[in-house]
Protein backbone atom coordinates (compact mmCIF):
# COMPACT_ATOMS: atom_id res chain seq x y z
CA UNK A 1 0.00 0.00 0.00
CA UNK A 2 1.31 3.41 -0.92
CA UNK A 3 0.14 6.49 0.98
CA UNK A 4 1.18 9.83 -0.43
CA UNK A 5 0.65 13.11 1.43
CA UNK A 6 0.74 16.32 -0.57
CA UNK A 7 1.04 19.29 1.76
CA UNK A 8 0.90 22.92 0.76
CA UNK A 9 3.99 25.06 1.14
CA UNK A 10 3.28 27.21 4.16
CA UNK A 11 6.73 28.54 4.94
CA UNK A 12 7.05 31.29 2.34
CA UNK A 13 5.03 34.46 1.91
CA UNK A 14 4.65 34.12 -1.87
CA UNK A 15 2.74 30.81 -1.62
CA UNK A 16 0.58 32.13 1.23
CA UNK A 17 -0.44 35.13 -0.91
CA UNK A 18 -1.05 32.93 -3.96
CA UNK A 19 -3.39 30.67 -1.94
CA UNK A 20 -5.39 33.73 -0.86
CA UNK A 21 -6.23 34.32 -4.54
CA UNK A 22 -6.80 30.66 -5.45
CA UNK A 23 -7.44 28.39 -2.45
CA UNK A 24 -6.19 24.80 -2.50
CA UNK A 25 -6.19 21.99 0.05
CA UNK A 26 -3.78 19.34 1.26
CA UNK A 27 -4.29 15.96 -0.40
CA UNK A 28 -3.98 12.36 0.75
CA UNK A 29 -3.73 9.67 -1.93
CA UNK A 30 -3.95 6.01 -0.97
CA UNK A 31 -3.02 3.38 -3.57
CA UNK A 32 -3.51 -0.29 -2.83
CA UNK A 33 -1.84 -2.67 -5.27
CA UNK A 34 -3.03 -6.26 -5.40
CA UNK A 35 -2.24 -9.25 -7.55
CA UNK A 36 -4.58 -9.73 -10.50
CA UNK A 37 -5.67 -13.14 -9.27
CA UNK A 38 -6.55 -11.81 -5.78
CA UNK A 39 -9.46 -9.57 -6.74
CA UNK A 40 -11.33 -8.18 -9.72
CA UNK A 41 -11.15 -4.48 -10.48
CA UNK A 42 -13.35 -2.26 -8.35
CA UNK A 43 -14.35 1.43 -8.55
CA UNK A 44 -14.60 3.28 -5.23
CA UNK A 45 -14.46 6.96 -4.19
CA UNK A 46 -14.73 8.84 -0.88
CA UNK A 47 -15.26 12.60 -0.66
CA UNK A 48 -17.80 15.31 -0.03
CA UNK A 49 -21.17 14.71 -1.67
CA UNK A 50 -20.77 17.79 -3.89
CA UNK A 51 -17.31 16.71 -5.08
CA UNK A 52 -18.46 13.15 -5.78
CA UNK A 53 -21.41 14.32 -7.88
CA UNK A 54 -19.06 16.53 -9.92
CA UNK A 55 -16.49 13.74 -10.32
CA UNK A 56 -19.19 11.28 -11.34
CA UNK A 57 -20.09 13.58 -14.24
CA UNK A 58 -16.46 14.24 -15.23
CA UNK A 59 -14.77 10.84 -14.82
CA UNK A 60 -15.65 8.02 -17.19
CA UNK A 61 -15.10 5.13 -14.77
CA UNK A 62 -17.25 6.68 -12.04
CA UNK A 63 -20.06 7.54 -14.44
CA UNK A 64 -19.98 4.11 -16.09
CA UNK A 65 -19.63 1.81 -13.08
CA UNK A 66 -21.06 3.84 -10.16
CA UNK A 67 -24.55 4.64 -11.39
CA UNK A 68 -26.11 5.17 -7.94
CA UNK A 69 -26.02 8.43 -5.98
CA UNK A 70 -23.32 8.86 -3.30
CA UNK A 71 -24.23 7.25 0.03
CA UNK A 72 -23.63 8.77 3.46
CA UNK A 73 -20.23 7.98 4.93
CA UNK A 74 -21.74 7.64 8.42
CA UNK A 75 -22.91 4.15 7.43
CA UNK A 76 -19.25 3.13 7.09
CA UNK A 77 -17.92 4.92 10.18
CA UNK A 78 -16.80 8.06 8.34
CA UNK A 79 -17.65 11.65 9.32
CA UNK A 80 -21.06 12.97 8.26
CA UNK A 81 -19.39 15.42 5.86
CA UNK A 82 -18.10 12.55 3.67
CA UNK A 83 -19.95 10.35 1.22
CA UNK A 84 -19.07 7.08 -0.53
CA UNK A 85 -19.53 6.24 -4.19
CA UNK A 86 -18.93 2.62 -5.13
CA UNK A 87 -19.57 0.01 -7.76
CA UNK A 88 -20.64 -2.74 -5.33
CA UNK A 89 -21.99 -2.02 -1.84
CA UNK A 90 -21.00 -5.40 -0.38
CA UNK A 91 -17.36 -4.91 -1.31
CA UNK A 92 -17.40 -1.38 0.13
CA UNK A 93 -18.52 -2.71 3.50
CA UNK A 94 -15.67 -5.24 3.43
CA UNK A 95 -13.07 -2.63 2.47
CA UNK A 96 -14.22 -0.12 5.10
CA UNK A 97 -14.16 -2.73 7.90
PDB file of N, CA and C in Angstrom:
ATOM      1  N   UNK A   1       0.850  -1.160   0.000  1.00  0.00           N
ATOM      2  CA  UNK A   1       0.000   0.000   0.000  1.00  0.00           C
ATOM      3  C   UNK A   1       0.902   1.231   0.000  1.00  0.00           C
ATOM      4  N   UNK A   2       0.561   2.172  -0.816  1.00  0.00           N
ATOM      5  CA  UNK A   2       1.310   3.414  -0.917  1.00  0.00           C
ATOM      6  C   UNK A   2       0.414   4.552  -0.464  1.00  0.00           C
ATOM      7  N   UNK A   3       0.880   5.311   0.515  1.00  0.00           N
ATOM      8  CA  UNK A   3       0.143   6.485   0.978  1.00  0.00           C
ATOM      9  C   UNK A   3       1.006   7.697   0.680  1.00  0.00           C
ATOM     10  N   UNK A   4       0.449   8.639  -0.038  1.00  0.00           N
ATOM     11  CA  UNK A   4       1.181   9.831  -0.433  1.00  0.00           C
ATOM     12  C   UNK A   4       0.463  11.056   0.126  1.00  0.00           C
ATOM     13  N   UNK A   5       1.197  11.874   0.869  1.00  0.00           N
ATOM     14  CA  UNK A   5       0.652  13.106   1.429  1.00  0.00           C
ATOM     15  C   UNK A   5       1.198  14.282   0.633  1.00  0.00           C
ATOM     16  N   UNK A   6       0.317  15.126   0.164  1.00  0.00           N
ATOM     17  CA  UNK A   6       0.740  16.323  -0.570  1.00  0.00           C
ATOM     18  C   UNK A   6       0.326  17.542   0.243  1.00  0.00           C
ATOM     19  N   UNK A   7       1.302  18.134   0.927  1.00  0.00           N
ATOM     20  CA  UNK A   7       1.035  19.291   1.764  1.00  0.00           C
ATOM     21  C   UNK A   7       1.355  20.573   1.013  1.00  0.00           C
ATOM     22  N   UNK A   8       0.643  21.613   1.355  1.00  0.00           N
ATOM     23  CA  UNK A   8       0.899  22.920   0.765  1.00  0.00           C
ATOM     24  C   UNK A   8       2.151  23.526   1.383  1.00  0.00           C
ATOM     25  N   UNK A   9       2.824  24.355   0.614  1.00  0.00           N
ATOM     26  CA  UNK A   9       3.989  25.060   1.137  1.00  0.00           C
ATOM     27  C   UNK A   9       3.477  26.231   1.970  1.00  0.00           C
ATOM     28  N   UNK A  10       3.778  26.184   3.257  1.00  0.00           N
ATOM     29  CA  UNK A  10       3.277  27.215   4.162  1.00  0.00           C
ATOM     30  C   UNK A  10       4.398  28.086   4.725  1.00  0.00           C
ATOM     31  N   UNK A  11       5.623  27.843   4.318  1.00  0.00           N
ATOM     32  CA  UNK A  11       6.727  28.539   4.939  1.00  0.00           C
ATOM     33  C   UNK A  11       7.159  29.809   4.206  1.00  0.00           C
ATOM     34  N   UNK A  12       6.639  30.060   3.023  1.00  0.00           N
ATOM     35  CA  UNK A  12       7.045  31.286   2.342  1.00  0.00           C
ATOM     36  C   UNK A  12       5.834  32.174   2.037  1.00  0.00           C
ATOM     37  N   UNK A  13       6.075  33.450   2.056  1.00  0.00           N
ATOM     38  CA  UNK A  13       5.026  34.455   1.907  1.00  0.00           C
ATOM     39  C   UNK A  13       4.392  34.420   0.523  1.00  0.00           C
ATOM     40  N   UNK A  14       5.168  34.133  -0.513  1.00  0.00           N
ATOM     41  CA  UNK A  14       4.647  34.116  -1.875  1.00  0.00           C
ATOM     42  C   UNK A  14       3.546  33.064  -2.038  1.00  0.00           C
ATOM     43  N   UNK A  15       3.767  31.853  -1.525  1.00  0.00           N
ATOM     44  CA  UNK A  15       2.744  30.811  -1.618  1.00  0.00           C
ATOM     45  C   UNK A  15       1.524  31.130  -0.770  1.00  0.00           C
ATOM     46  N   UNK A  16       1.717  31.745   0.377  1.00  0.00           N
ATOM     47  CA  UNK A  16       0.581  32.133   1.227  1.00  0.00           C
ATOM     48  C   UNK A  16      -0.291  33.142   0.495  1.00  0.00           C
ATOM     49  N   UNK A  17       0.319  34.123  -0.154  1.00  0.00           N
ATOM     50  CA  UNK A  17      -0.441  35.128  -0.906  1.00  0.00           C
ATOM     51  C   UNK A  17      -1.120  34.514  -2.127  1.00  0.00           C
ATOM     52  N   UNK A  18      -0.452  33.579  -2.787  1.00  0.00           N
ATOM     53  CA  UNK A  18      -1.046  32.927  -3.955  1.00  0.00           C
ATOM     54  C   UNK A  18      -2.272  32.107  -3.562  1.00  0.00           C
ATOM     55  N   UNK A  19      -2.238  31.458  -2.400  1.00  0.00           N
ATOM     56  CA  UNK A  19      -3.387  30.675  -1.939  1.00  0.00           C
ATOM     57  C   UNK A  19      -4.551  31.556  -1.516  1.00  0.00           C
ATOM     58  N   UNK A  20      -4.289  32.812  -1.190  1.00  0.00           N
ATOM     59  CA  UNK A  20      -5.386  33.729  -0.863  1.00  0.00           C
ATOM     60  C   UNK A  20      -6.208  34.023  -2.117  1.00  0.00           C
ATOM     61  N   UNK A  21      -5.547  34.058  -3.278  1.00  0.00           N
ATOM     62  CA  UNK A  21      -6.234  34.319  -4.541  1.00  0.00           C
ATOM     63  C   UNK A  21      -6.923  33.063  -5.076  1.00  0.00           C
ATOM     64  N   UNK A  22      -6.264  31.928  -4.942  1.00  0.00           N
ATOM     65  CA  UNK A  22      -6.802  30.657  -5.450  1.00  0.00           C
ATOM     66  C   UNK A  22      -6.600  29.575  -4.386  1.00  0.00           C
ATOM     67  N   UNK A  23      -7.599  29.342  -3.550  1.00  0.00           N
ATOM     68  CA  UNK A  23      -7.436  28.389  -2.447  1.00  0.00           C
ATOM     69  C   UNK A  23      -7.267  26.946  -2.933  1.00  0.00           C
ATOM     70  N   UNK A  24      -6.412  26.223  -2.248  1.00  0.00           N
ATOM     71  CA  UNK A  24      -6.193  24.802  -2.497  1.00  0.00           C
ATOM     72  C   UNK A  24      -6.099  24.082  -1.150  1.00  0.00           C
ATOM     73  N   UNK A  25      -6.214  22.771  -1.178  1.00  0.00           N
ATOM     74  CA  UNK A  25      -6.187  21.986   0.055  1.00  0.00           C
ATOM     75  C   UNK A  25      -5.068  20.958   0.004  1.00  0.00           C
ATOM     76  N   UNK A  26      -4.696  20.468   1.184  1.00  0.00           N
ATOM     77  CA  UNK A  26      -3.778  19.339   1.259  1.00  0.00           C
ATOM     78  C   UNK A  26      -4.479  18.112   0.693  1.00  0.00           C
ATOM     79  N   UNK A  27      -3.702  17.158   0.190  1.00  0.00           N
ATOM     80  CA  UNK A  27      -4.286  15.958  -0.405  1.00  0.00           C
ATOM     81  C   UNK A  27      -3.651  14.710   0.201  1.00  0.00           C
ATOM     82  N   UNK A  28      -4.454  13.676   0.336  1.00  0.00           N
ATOM     83  CA  UNK A  28      -3.980  12.359   0.749  1.00  0.00           C
ATOM     84  C   UNK A  28      -4.398  11.379  -0.332  1.00  0.00           C
ATOM     85  N   UNK A  29      -3.438  10.681  -0.911  1.00  0.00           N
ATOM     86  CA  UNK A  29      -3.726   9.671  -1.928  1.00  0.00           C
ATOM     87  C   UNK A  29      -3.308   8.314  -1.379  1.00  0.00           C
ATOM     88  N   UNK A  30      -4.231   7.359  -1.437  1.00  0.00           N
ATOM     89  CA  UNK A  30      -3.947   6.006  -0.972  1.00  0.00           C
ATOM     90  C   UNK A  30      -4.080   5.066  -2.159  1.00  0.00           C
ATOM     91  N   UNK A  31      -3.011   4.348  -2.471  1.00  0.00           N
ATOM     92  CA  UNK A  31      -3.024   3.385  -3.574  1.00  0.00           C
ATOM     93  C   UNK A  31      -2.755   2.005  -3.002  1.00  0.00           C
ATOM     94  N   UNK A  32      -3.653   1.091  -3.281  1.00  0.00           N
ATOM     95  CA  UNK A  32      -3.507  -0.289  -2.832  1.00  0.00           C
ATOM     96  C   UNK A  32      -3.277  -1.141  -4.068  1.00  0.00           C
ATOM     97  N   UNK A  33      -2.133  -1.802  -4.130  1.00  0.00           N
ATOM     98  CA  UNK A  33      -1.840  -2.669  -5.269  1.00  0.00           C
ATOM     99  C   UNK A  33      -2.041  -4.117  -4.842  1.00  0.00           C
ATOM    100  N   UNK A  34      -2.757  -4.858  -5.676  1.00  0.00           N
ATOM    101  CA  UNK A  34      -3.035  -6.263  -5.399  1.00  0.00           C
ATOM    102  C   UNK A  34      -2.682  -7.080  -6.629  1.00  0.00           C
ATOM    103  N   UNK A  35      -2.467  -8.349  -6.428  1.00  0.00           N
ATOM    104  CA  UNK A  35      -2.238  -9.254  -7.551  1.00  0.00           C
ATOM    105  C   UNK A  35      -3.523  -9.399  -8.344  1.00  0.00           C
ATOM    106  N   UNK A  36      -3.402  -9.596  -9.646  1.00  0.00           N
ATOM    107  CA  UNK A  36      -4.582  -9.728 -10.500  1.00  0.00           C
ATOM    108  C   UNK A  36      -5.468 -10.900 -10.102  1.00  0.00           C
ATOM    109  N   UNK A  37      -4.861 -11.971  -9.624  1.00  0.00           N
ATOM    110  CA  UNK A  37      -5.666 -13.139  -9.268  1.00  0.00           C
ATOM    111  C   UNK A  37      -6.337 -13.000  -7.899  1.00  0.00           C
ATOM    112  N   UNK A  38      -5.951 -11.992  -7.104  1.00  0.00           N
ATOM    113  CA  UNK A  38      -6.548 -11.806  -5.779  1.00  0.00           C
ATOM    114  C   UNK A  38      -7.958 -11.232  -5.839  1.00  0.00           C
ATOM    115  N   UNK A  39      -8.189 -10.279  -6.738  1.00  0.00           N
ATOM    116  CA  UNK A  39      -9.463  -9.573  -6.742  1.00  0.00           C
ATOM    117  C   UNK A  39      -9.710  -8.952  -8.108  1.00  0.00           C
ATOM    118  N   UNK A  40     -10.971  -8.878  -8.495  1.00  0.00           N
ATOM    119  CA  UNK A  40     -11.335  -8.185  -9.723  1.00  0.00           C
ATOM    120  C   UNK A  40     -11.195  -6.683  -9.512  1.00  0.00           C
ATOM    121  N   UNK A  41     -11.221  -5.933 -10.600  1.00  0.00           N
ATOM    122  CA  UNK A  41     -11.145  -4.482 -10.484  1.00  0.00           C
ATOM    123  C   UNK A  41     -12.400  -3.956  -9.807  1.00  0.00           C
ATOM    124  N   UNK A  42     -12.268  -2.806  -9.163  1.00  0.00           N
ATOM    125  CA  UNK A  42     -13.346  -2.260  -8.352  1.00  0.00           C
ATOM    126  C   UNK A  42     -13.226  -0.743  -8.344  1.00  0.00           C
ATOM    127  N   UNK A  43     -14.331  -0.039  -8.529  1.00  0.00           N
ATOM    128  CA  UNK A  43     -14.348   1.425  -8.546  1.00  0.00           C
ATOM    129  C   UNK A  43     -14.949   1.905  -7.233  1.00  0.00           C
ATOM    130  N   UNK A  44     -14.244   2.851  -6.574  1.00  0.00           N
ATOM    131  CA  UNK A  44     -14.603   3.277  -5.229  1.00  0.00           C
ATOM    132  C   UNK A  44     -14.088   4.699  -5.025  1.00  0.00           C
ATOM    133  N   UNK A  45     -14.898   5.582  -4.450  1.00  0.00           N
ATOM    134  CA  UNK A  45     -14.459   6.958  -4.191  1.00  0.00           C
ATOM    135  C   UNK A  45     -15.060   7.446  -2.882  1.00  0.00           C
ATOM    136  N   UNK A  46     -14.275   8.226  -2.125  1.00  0.00           N
ATOM    137  CA  UNK A  46     -14.729   8.842  -0.877  1.00  0.00           C
ATOM    138  C   UNK A  46     -14.457  10.328  -0.981  1.00  0.00           C
ATOM    139  N   UNK A  47     -15.429  11.153  -0.624  1.00  0.00           N
ATOM    140  CA  UNK A  47     -15.263  12.600  -0.661  1.00  0.00           C
ATOM    141  C   UNK A  47     -16.540  13.287  -0.216  1.00  0.00           C
ATOM    142  N   UNK A  48     -16.569  14.591  -0.347  1.00  0.00           N
ATOM    143  CA  UNK A  48     -17.805  15.307  -0.028  1.00  0.00           C
ATOM    144  C   UNK A  48     -18.837  14.987  -1.101  1.00  0.00           C
ATOM    145  N   UNK A  49     -20.097  15.065  -0.735  1.00  0.00           N
ATOM    146  CA  UNK A  49     -21.173  14.714  -1.675  1.00  0.00           C
ATOM    147  C   UNK A  49     -21.099  15.587  -2.931  1.00  0.00           C
ATOM    148  N   UNK A  50     -20.838  16.865  -2.749  1.00  0.00           N
ATOM    149  CA  UNK A  50     -20.774  17.792  -3.888  1.00  0.00           C
ATOM    150  C   UNK A  50     -19.627  17.419  -4.834  1.00  0.00           C
ATOM    151  N   UNK A  51     -18.476  17.084  -4.262  1.00  0.00           N
ATOM    152  CA  UNK A  51     -17.314  16.715  -5.082  1.00  0.00           C
ATOM    153  C   UNK A  51     -17.553  15.396  -5.811  1.00  0.00           C
ATOM    154  N   UNK A  52     -18.201  14.444  -5.144  1.00  0.00           N
ATOM    155  CA  UNK A  52     -18.457  13.153  -5.784  1.00  0.00           C
ATOM    156  C   UNK A  52     -19.440  13.273  -6.938  1.00  0.00           C
ATOM    157  N   UNK A  53     -20.454  14.121  -6.783  1.00  0.00           N
ATOM    158  CA  UNK A  53     -21.411  14.323  -7.880  1.00  0.00           C
ATOM    159  C   UNK A  53     -20.701  14.930  -9.087  1.00  0.00           C
ATOM    160  N   UNK A  54     -19.813  15.901  -8.828  1.00  0.00           N
ATOM    161  CA  UNK A  54     -19.057  16.533  -9.916  1.00  0.00           C
ATOM    162  C   UNK A  54     -18.120  15.524 -10.578  1.00  0.00           C
ATOM    163  N   UNK A  55     -17.410  14.736  -9.765  1.00  0.00           N
ATOM    164  CA  UNK A  55     -16.490  13.740 -10.315  1.00  0.00           C
ATOM    165  C   UNK A  55     -17.221  12.652 -11.088  1.00  0.00           C
ATOM    166  N   UNK A  56     -18.417  12.299 -10.646  1.00  0.00           N
ATOM    167  CA  UNK A  56     -19.193  11.276 -11.341  1.00  0.00           C
ATOM    168  C   UNK A  56     -19.573  11.741 -12.741  1.00  0.00           C
ATOM    169  N   UNK A  57     -19.783  13.037 -12.912  1.00  0.00           N
ATOM    170  CA  UNK A  57     -20.094  13.580 -14.238  1.00  0.00           C
ATOM    171  C   UNK A  57     -18.844  13.687 -15.109  1.00  0.00           C
ATOM    172  N   UNK A  58     -17.691  13.973 -14.479  1.00  0.00           N
ATOM    173  CA  UNK A  58     -16.463  14.235 -15.227  1.00  0.00           C
ATOM    174  C   UNK A  58     -15.656  12.975 -15.553  1.00  0.00           C
ATOM    175  N   UNK A  59     -15.646  12.002 -14.660  1.00  0.00           N
ATOM    176  CA  UNK A  59     -14.768  10.840 -14.822  1.00  0.00           C
ATOM    177  C   UNK A  59     -15.536   9.663 -15.409  1.00  0.00           C
ATOM    178  N   UNK A  60     -14.972   9.082 -16.452  1.00  0.00           N
ATOM    179  CA  UNK A  60     -15.654   8.021 -17.188  1.00  0.00           C
ATOM    180  C   UNK A  60     -15.898   6.776 -16.335  1.00  0.00           C
ATOM    181  N   UNK A  61     -14.905   6.355 -15.552  1.00  0.00           N
ATOM    182  CA  UNK A  61     -15.096   5.129 -14.772  1.00  0.00           C
ATOM    183  C   UNK A  61     -16.153   5.296 -13.689  1.00  0.00           C
ATOM    184  N   UNK A  62     -16.213   6.456 -13.053  1.00  0.00           N
ATOM    185  CA  UNK A  62     -17.247   6.681 -12.041  1.00  0.00           C
ATOM    186  C   UNK A  62     -18.632   6.764 -12.666  1.00  0.00           C
ATOM    187  N   UNK A  63     -18.746   7.414 -13.811  1.00  0.00           N
ATOM    188  CA  UNK A  63     -20.064   7.537 -14.442  1.00  0.00           C
ATOM    189  C   UNK A  63     -20.532   6.211 -15.032  1.00  0.00           C
ATOM    190  N   UNK A  64     -19.608   5.382 -15.468  1.00  0.00           N
ATOM    191  CA  UNK A  64     -19.977   4.114 -16.093  1.00  0.00           C
ATOM    192  C   UNK A  64     -20.294   3.019 -15.071  1.00  0.00           C
ATOM    193  N   UNK A  65     -19.485   2.920 -14.018  1.00  0.00           N
ATOM    194  CA  UNK A  65     -19.632   1.810 -13.075  1.00  0.00           C
ATOM    195  C   UNK A  65     -20.401   2.168 -11.806  1.00  0.00           C
ATOM    196  N   UNK A  66     -20.369   3.420 -11.389  1.00  0.00           N
ATOM    197  CA  UNK A  66     -21.060   3.842 -10.160  1.00  0.00           C
ATOM    198  C   UNK A  66     -22.292   4.648 -10.549  1.00  0.00           C
ATOM    199  N   UNK A  67     -23.355   3.964 -10.885  1.00  0.00           N
ATOM    200  CA  UNK A  67     -24.547   4.644 -11.393  1.00  0.00           C
ATOM    201  C   UNK A  67     -25.439   5.176 -10.281  1.00  0.00           C
ATOM    202  N   UNK A  68     -25.289   4.689  -9.050  1.00  0.00           N
ATOM    203  CA  UNK A  68     -26.109   5.174  -7.936  1.00  0.00           C
ATOM    204  C   UNK A  68     -25.606   6.519  -7.441  1.00  0.00           C
ATOM    205  N   UNK A  69     -26.424   7.174  -6.613  1.00  0.00           N
ATOM    206  CA  UNK A  69     -26.019   8.428  -5.978  1.00  0.00           C
ATOM    207  C   UNK A  69     -25.070   8.119  -4.823  1.00  0.00           C
ATOM    208  N   UNK A  70     -24.223   9.088  -4.437  1.00  0.00           N
ATOM    209  CA  UNK A  70     -23.321   8.861  -3.298  1.00  0.00           C
ATOM    210  C   UNK A  70     -24.105   8.570  -2.017  1.00  0.00           C
ATOM    211  N   UNK A  71     -23.595   7.621  -1.233  1.00  0.00           N
ATOM    212  CA  UNK A  71     -24.234   7.247   0.028  1.00  0.00           C
ATOM    213  C   UNK A  71     -23.504   7.908   1.186  1.00  0.00           C
ATOM    214  N   UNK A  72     -24.204   8.128   2.280  1.00  0.00           N
ATOM    215  CA  UNK A  72     -23.631   8.771   3.455  1.00  0.00           C
ATOM    216  C   UNK A  72     -22.463   7.954   4.003  1.00  0.00           C
ATOM    217  N   UNK A  73     -21.402   8.650   4.377  1.00  0.00           N
ATOM    218  CA  UNK A  73     -20.233   7.977   4.929  1.00  0.00           C
ATOM    219  C   UNK A  73     -20.439   7.509   6.354  1.00  0.00           C
ATOM    220  N   UNK A  74     -21.470   8.033   7.038  1.00  0.00           N
ATOM    221  CA  UNK A  74     -21.742   7.636   8.424  1.00  0.00           C
ATOM    222  C   UNK A  74     -22.047   6.145   8.518  1.00  0.00           C
ATOM    223  N   UNK A  75     -22.598   5.580   7.469  1.00  0.00           N
ATOM    224  CA  UNK A  75     -22.909   4.147   7.434  1.00  0.00           C
ATOM    225  C   UNK A  75     -21.642   3.302   7.543  1.00  0.00           C
ATOM    226  N   UNK A  76     -20.521   3.850   7.095  1.00  0.00           N
ATOM    227  CA  UNK A  76     -19.250   3.126   7.087  1.00  0.00           C
ATOM    228  C   UNK A  76     -18.290   3.612   8.172  1.00  0.00           C
ATOM    229  N   UNK A  77     -18.771   4.425   9.106  1.00  0.00           N
ATOM    230  CA  UNK A  77     -17.923   4.918  10.183  1.00  0.00           C
ATOM    231  C   UNK A  77     -17.108   6.140   9.815  1.00  0.00           C
ATOM    232  N   UNK A  78     -17.487   6.836   8.760  1.00  0.00           N
ATOM    233  CA  UNK A  78     -16.802   8.057   8.338  1.00  0.00           C
ATOM    234  C   UNK A  78     -17.548   9.269   8.889  1.00  0.00           C
ATOM    235  N   UNK A  79     -16.934  10.448   8.891  1.00  0.00           N
ATOM    236  CA  UNK A  79     -17.648  11.654   9.324  1.00  0.00           C
ATOM    237  C   UNK A  79     -18.864  11.934   8.438  1.00  0.00           C
ATOM    238  N   UNK A  80     -19.833  12.653   8.993  1.00  0.00           N
ATOM    239  CA  UNK A  80     -21.060  12.966   8.255  1.00  0.00           C
ATOM    240  C   UNK A  80     -20.801  13.826   7.021  1.00  0.00           C
ATOM    241  N   UNK A  81     -19.687  14.541   6.999  1.00  0.00           N
ATOM    242  CA  UNK A  81     -19.390  15.416   5.865  1.00  0.00           C
ATOM    243  C   UNK A  81     -18.926  14.640   4.630  1.00  0.00           C
ATOM    244  N   UNK A  82     -18.590  13.359   4.790  1.00  0.00           N
ATOM    245  CA  UNK A  82     -18.095  12.553   3.675  1.00  0.00           C
ATOM    246  C   UNK A  82     -19.170  11.618   3.148  1.00  0.00           C
ATOM    247  N   UNK A  83     -19.044  11.292   1.872  1.00  0.00           N
ATOM    248  CA  UNK A  83     -19.953  10.352   1.220  1.00  0.00           C
ATOM    249  C   UNK A  83     -19.117   9.310   0.483  1.00  0.00           C
ATOM    250  N   UNK A  84     -19.754   8.197   0.138  1.00  0.00           N
ATOM    251  CA  UNK A  84     -19.073   7.085  -0.527  1.00  0.00           C
ATOM    252  C   UNK A  84     -19.791   6.778  -1.833  1.00  0.00           C
ATOM    253  N   UNK A  85     -19.014   6.610  -2.883  1.00  0.00           N
ATOM    254  CA  UNK A  85     -19.534   6.244  -4.193  1.00  0.00           C
ATOM    255  C   UNK A  85     -18.815   4.962  -4.596  1.00  0.00           C
ATOM    256  N   UNK A  86     -19.580   3.892  -4.840  1.00  0.00           N
ATOM    257  CA  UNK A  86     -18.927   2.619  -5.134  1.00  0.00           C
ATOM    258  C   UNK A  86     -19.709   1.811  -6.150  1.00  0.00           C
ATOM    259  N   UNK A  87     -18.991   0.892  -6.748  1.00  0.00           N
ATOM    260  CA  UNK A  87     -19.568   0.014  -7.760  1.00  0.00           C
ATOM    261  C   UNK A  87     -20.418  -1.080  -7.118  1.00  0.00           C
ATOM    262  N   UNK A  88     -19.933  -1.658  -6.017  1.00  0.00           N
ATOM    263  CA  UNK A  88     -20.640  -2.744  -5.327  1.00  0.00           C
ATOM    264  C   UNK A  88     -20.658  -2.462  -3.828  1.00  0.00           C
ATOM    265  N   UNK A  89     -21.851  -2.353  -3.251  1.00  0.00           N
ATOM    266  CA  UNK A  89     -21.991  -2.024  -1.838  1.00  0.00           C
ATOM    267  C   UNK A  89     -21.401  -3.058  -0.900  1.00  0.00           C
ATOM    268  N   UNK A  90     -21.510  -4.341  -1.246  1.00  0.00           N
ATOM    269  CA  UNK A  90     -20.997  -5.397  -0.381  1.00  0.00           C
ATOM    270  C   UNK A  90     -19.476  -5.308  -0.244  1.00  0.00           C
ATOM    271  N   UNK A  91     -18.819  -5.013  -1.338  1.00  0.00           N
ATOM    272  CA  UNK A  91     -17.361  -4.906  -1.309  1.00  0.00           C
ATOM    273  C   UNK A  91     -16.945  -3.678  -0.511  1.00  0.00           C
ATOM    274  N   UNK A  92     -17.704  -2.600  -0.620  1.00  0.00           N
ATOM    275  CA  UNK A  92     -17.401  -1.381   0.125  1.00  0.00           C
ATOM    276  C   UNK A  92     -17.436  -1.652   1.622  1.00  0.00           C
ATOM    277  N   UNK A  93     -18.438  -2.379   2.076  1.00  0.00           N
ATOM    278  CA  UNK A  93     -18.521  -2.712   3.499  1.00  0.00           C
ATOM    279  C   UNK A  93     -17.311  -3.525   3.938  1.00  0.00           C
ATOM    280  N   UNK A  94     -16.854  -4.448   3.112  1.00  0.00           N
ATOM    281  CA  UNK A  94     -15.672  -5.237   3.432  1.00  0.00           C
ATOM    282  C   UNK A  94     -14.401  -4.412   3.459  1.00  0.00           C
ATOM    283  N   UNK A  95     -14.267  -3.476   2.537  1.00  0.00           N
ATOM    284  CA  UNK A  95     -13.073  -2.627   2.475  1.00  0.00           C
ATOM    285  C   UNK A  95     -13.033  -1.673   3.663  1.00  0.00           C
ATOM    286  N   UNK A  96     -14.179  -1.111   4.026  1.00  0.00           N
ATOM    287  CA  UNK A  96     -14.223  -0.121   5.100  1.00  0.00           C
ATOM    288  C   UNK A  96     -14.093  -0.752   6.485  1.00  0.00           C
ATOM    289  N   UNK A  97     -14.343  -2.062   6.601  1.00  0.00           N
ATOM    290  CA  UNK A  97     -14.161  -2.729   7.899  1.00  0.00           C
ATOM    291  C   UNK A  97     -12.702  -2.932   8.108  1.00  0.00           C
TER     292      UNK A  97
END
